[in-house]
Protein backbone atom coordinates (compact mmCIF):
# COMPACT_ATOMS: atom_id res chain seq x y z
CA MET A 1 -79.86 -61.48 -94.29
CA ASN A 2 -82.51 -58.84 -94.70
CA TRP A 3 -85.51 -58.45 -92.44
CA ASP A 4 -87.95 -59.75 -95.06
CA GLN A 5 -86.05 -63.05 -95.01
CA ILE A 6 -85.98 -63.07 -91.22
CA GLN A 7 -89.75 -62.59 -91.10
CA GLY A 8 -90.15 -65.46 -93.59
CA ASN A 9 -88.00 -67.73 -91.43
CA TRP A 10 -89.31 -66.45 -88.12
CA THR A 11 -89.31 -69.83 -86.36
CA GLN A 12 -85.55 -70.26 -86.88
CA ALA A 13 -84.90 -66.61 -86.06
CA LYS A 14 -86.77 -66.94 -82.75
CA GLY A 15 -84.48 -69.79 -81.79
CA LYS A 16 -81.39 -67.66 -82.39
CA LEU A 17 -82.92 -64.78 -80.47
CA ARG A 18 -83.79 -67.04 -77.52
CA GLU A 19 -80.19 -68.30 -77.39
CA GLN A 20 -78.79 -64.77 -77.42
CA TYR A 21 -81.47 -63.02 -75.35
CA GLY A 22 -82.91 -65.53 -72.90
CA ASP A 23 -84.94 -62.88 -71.04
CA LEU A 24 -87.21 -62.27 -74.03
CA THR A 25 -90.48 -64.16 -73.65
CA ASP A 26 -92.21 -66.17 -76.34
CA ASP A 27 -95.07 -63.68 -76.27
CA GLU A 28 -92.71 -60.73 -76.82
CA LEU A 29 -90.96 -62.48 -79.69
CA GLU A 30 -94.26 -63.47 -81.26
CA GLN A 31 -95.55 -59.92 -80.97
CA ALA A 32 -92.41 -58.53 -82.63
CA LYS A 33 -92.71 -61.07 -85.50
CA GLY A 34 -89.38 -60.07 -87.07
CA ASN A 35 -89.90 -56.32 -86.87
CA ASP A 36 -86.38 -55.01 -86.28
CA GLU A 37 -87.55 -51.82 -84.55
CA GLN A 38 -89.70 -53.76 -82.08
CA LEU A 39 -86.90 -56.25 -81.42
CA ALA A 40 -84.40 -53.46 -80.84
CA GLY A 41 -86.86 -51.83 -78.44
CA LEU A 42 -87.29 -55.08 -76.51
CA ILE A 43 -83.54 -55.57 -76.25
CA GLN A 44 -83.14 -51.97 -75.20
CA SER A 45 -85.70 -52.22 -72.41
CA LYS A 46 -84.79 -55.71 -71.14
CA TYR A 47 -81.01 -55.37 -71.29
CA GLY A 48 -80.48 -51.63 -70.78
CA LYS A 49 -78.73 -51.14 -74.10
CA SER A 50 -79.02 -48.18 -76.42
CA ARG A 51 -81.20 -48.58 -79.49
CA GLU A 52 -78.10 -48.27 -81.70
CA GLU A 53 -76.31 -50.99 -79.76
CA ALA A 54 -79.36 -53.26 -80.02
CA HIS A 55 -79.47 -52.72 -83.80
CA ARG A 56 -75.75 -53.53 -84.09
CA GLU A 57 -76.24 -56.75 -82.12
CA LEU A 58 -79.16 -57.76 -84.31
CA ASP A 59 -77.09 -57.06 -87.42
CA ARG A 60 -74.33 -59.30 -86.05
CA LEU A 61 -76.81 -62.03 -85.15
CA PHE A 62 -78.46 -61.93 -88.58
CA PRO A 63 -75.72 -61.01 -91.12
């Protein structure tokens, strides 16, 4: 799935993200609004992962 599709189906995508990354708040997810760079940054800061690792996880979550 590409990021344009994820942004179009943001409500469903937020649900998947909440399941995988429970520490992300609704406000943070709403602010990111499907922007892969912002989401990777949030995952990086909240979970102590590298940006590359965060991108790989997002790619696995949204194939």
